Amino acid sequence: MELRQKLMLLKSQNGLTTDALSERSGVPKGTINKLLNGATRNPTAGTLRRLAEALGQIMAEQRYQADVVFDGADGLDYALT
């Protein structure tokens, strides 16, 4: 599952609009939209951490534990599990 697919799923499961997720996470709506439409493929670790927390998820740096793994802008691998 790609990051954008996982983000859409979690957003839906939490009953959040993009506006609500932005407000809850502190991540700008434009950034979330870019993630959702695939325009941004390597978000910063800080963005991912804020989204994960807002969606009640754990962010892991270990590829083998992940449902979704992606390369962060800092060169590390991150995952939403």
C-alpha atoms as a PDB file:
ATOM      1  CA  MET A   1       0.000   0.000   0.000  1.00  0.00           C
ATOM      2  CA  GLU A   2       1.362   3.411  -0.940  1.00  0.00           C
ATOM      3  CA  LEU A   3       1.615   6.266   1.525  1.00  0.00           C
ATOM      4  CA  ARG A   4      -1.205   8.184  -0.156  1.00  0.00           C
ATOM      5  CA  GLN A   5      -3.498   5.150  -0.016  1.00  0.00           C
ATOM      6  CA  LYS A   6      -2.719   4.566   3.665  1.00  0.00           C
ATOM      7  CA  LEU A   7      -3.295   8.242   4.445  1.00  0.00           C
ATOM      8  CA  MET A   8      -6.658   8.215   2.646  1.00  0.00           C
ATOM      9  CA  LEU A   9      -7.688   5.056   4.499  1.00  0.00           C
ATOM     10  CA  LEU A  10      -6.703   6.376   7.922  1.00  0.00           C
ATOM     11  CA  LYS A  11      -8.327   9.735   7.244  1.00  0.00           C
ATOM     12  CA  SER A  12     -11.552   7.953   6.314  1.00  0.00           C
ATOM     13  CA  GLN A  13     -11.415   5.555   9.272  1.00  0.00           C
ATOM     14  CA  ASN A  14     -11.015   8.521  11.607  1.00  0.00           C
ATOM     15  CA  GLY A  15     -13.907  10.370   9.942  1.00  0.00           C
ATOM     16  CA  LEU A  16     -11.704  13.358   9.172  1.00  0.00           C
ATOM     17  CA  THR A  17     -11.885  15.840   6.350  1.00  0.00           C
ATOM     18  CA  THR A  18      -8.638  17.225   5.016  1.00  0.00           C
ATOM     19  CA  ASP A  19      -9.407  20.475   6.848  1.00  0.00           C
ATOM     20  CA  ALA A  20      -9.943  18.612  10.123  1.00  0.00           C
ATOM     21  CA  LEU A  21      -6.745  16.569   9.687  1.00  0.00           C
ATOM     22  CA  SER A  22      -4.832  19.759   8.973  1.00  0.00           C
ATOM     23  CA  GLU A  23      -6.198  21.422  12.073  1.00  0.00           C
ATOM     24  CA  ARG A  24      -5.557  18.379  14.265  1.00  0.00           C
ATOM     25  CA  SER A  25      -2.031  17.765  12.976  1.00  0.00           C
ATOM     26  CA  GLY A  26      -0.802  21.270  12.275  1.00  0.00           C
ATOM     27  CA  VAL A  27       0.181  20.166   8.764  1.00  0.00           C
ATOM     28  CA  PRO A  28      -0.961  22.658   6.107  1.00  0.00           C
ATOM     29  CA  LYS A  29      -3.951  21.564   4.035  1.00  0.00           C
ATOM     30  CA  GLY A  30      -1.928  22.037   0.829  1.00  0.00           C
ATOM     31  CA  THR A  31       0.736  19.632   2.071  1.00  0.00           C
ATOM     32  CA  ILE A  32      -1.884  17.022   2.945  1.00  0.00           C
ATOM     33  CA  ASN A  33      -3.492  17.425  -0.478  1.00  0.00           C
ATOM     34  CA  LYS A  34      -0.110  16.936  -2.157  1.00  0.00           C
ATOM     35  CA  LEU A  35       0.394  13.736  -0.178  1.00  0.00           C
ATOM     36  CA  LEU A  36      -3.098  12.517  -1.040  1.00  0.00           C
ATOM     37  CA  ASN A  37      -2.723  13.137  -4.760  1.00  0.00           C
ATOM     38  CA  GLY A  38       0.811  11.731  -4.923  1.00  0.00           C
ATOM     39  CA  ALA A  39       2.519  15.030  -5.781  1.00  0.00           C
ATOM     40  CA  THR A  40       4.713  14.716  -2.673  1.00  0.00           C
ATOM     41  CA  ARG A  41       6.452  11.380  -2.300  1.00  0.00           C
ATOM     42  CA  ASN A  42       9.087  12.142   0.337  1.00  0.00           C
ATOM     43  CA  PRO A  43       7.577  14.226   3.132  1.00  0.00           C
ATOM     44  CA  THR A  44       9.688  15.275   6.074  1.00  0.00           C
ATOM     45  CA  ALA A  45       9.817  13.130   9.172  1.00  0.00           C
ATOM     46  CA  GLY A  46       8.178  15.959  11.129  1.00  0.00           C
ATOM     47  CA  THR A  47       5.206  16.070   8.763  1.00  0.00           C
ATOM     48  CA  LEU A  48       4.787  12.326   8.963  1.00  0.00           C
ATOM     49  CA  ARG A  49       5.091  12.310  12.736  1.00  0.00           C
ATOM     50  CA  ARG A  50       2.398  14.985  13.111  1.00  0.00           C
ATOM     51  CA  LEU A  51       0.059  13.158  10.727  1.00  0.00           C
ATOM     52  CA  ALA A  52       0.674   9.816  12.434  1.00  0.00           C
ATOM     53  CA  GLU A  53      -0.083  11.307  15.847  1.00  0.00           C
ATOM     54  CA  ALA A  54      -3.229  13.006  14.555  1.00  0.00           C
ATOM     55  CA  LEU A  55      -4.390   9.690  13.082  1.00  0.00           C
ATOM     56  CA  GLY A  56      -3.552   7.647  16.178  1.00  0.00           C
ATOM     57  CA  GLN A  57      -0.747   5.755  14.454  1.00  0.00           C
ATOM     58  CA  ILE A  58       2.773   4.789  15.429  1.00  0.00           C
ATOM     59  CA  MET A  59       5.626   5.903  13.224  1.00  0.00           C
ATOM     60  CA  ALA A  60       8.424   3.366  12.936  1.00  0.00           C
ATOM     61  CA  GLU A  61      11.860   3.554  11.338  1.00  0.00           C
ATOM     62  CA  GLN A  62      12.093  -0.183  10.731  1.00  0.00           C
ATOM     63  CA  ARG A  63      11.131  -1.486   7.323  1.00  0.00           C
ATOM     64  CA  TYR A  64      10.115  -4.958   8.510  1.00  0.00           C
ATOM     65  CA  GLN A  65       7.429  -3.625  10.894  1.00  0.00           C
ATOM     66  CA  ALA A  66       5.727  -1.431   8.362  1.00  0.00           C
ATOM     67  CA  ASP A  67       2.483  -1.509   6.477  1.00  0.00           C
ATOM     68  CA  VAL A  68       3.699   1.495   4.492  1.00  0.00           C
ATOM     69  CA  VAL A  69       7.365   2.379   4.071  1.00  0.00           C
ATOM     70  CA  PHE A  70       8.758   5.428   2.327  1.00  0.00           C
ATOM     71  CA  ASP A  71      11.971   7.394   2.153  1.00  0.00           C
ATOM     72  CA  GLY A  72      11.883  10.532   4.237  1.00  0.00           C
ATOM     73  CA  ALA A  73      13.424  13.768   3.053  1.00  0.00           C
ATOM     74  CA  ASP A  74      16.157  13.197   5.662  1.00  0.00           C
ATOM     75  CA  GLY A  75      17.281   9.996   3.884  1.00  0.00           C
ATOM     76  CA  LEU A  76      15.863   7.612   6.512  1.00  0.00           C
ATOM     77  CA  ASP A  77      13.158   5.047   5.928  1.00  0.00           C
ATOM     78  CA  TYR A  78       9.889   5.692   7.775  1.00  0.00           C
ATOM     79  CA  ALA A  79       6.647   3.831   8.079  1.00  0.00           C
ATOM     80  CA  LEU A  80       3.095   4.200   9.273  1.00  0.00           C
ATOM     81  CA  THR A  81       2.176   0.975  11.041  1.00  0.00           C
END
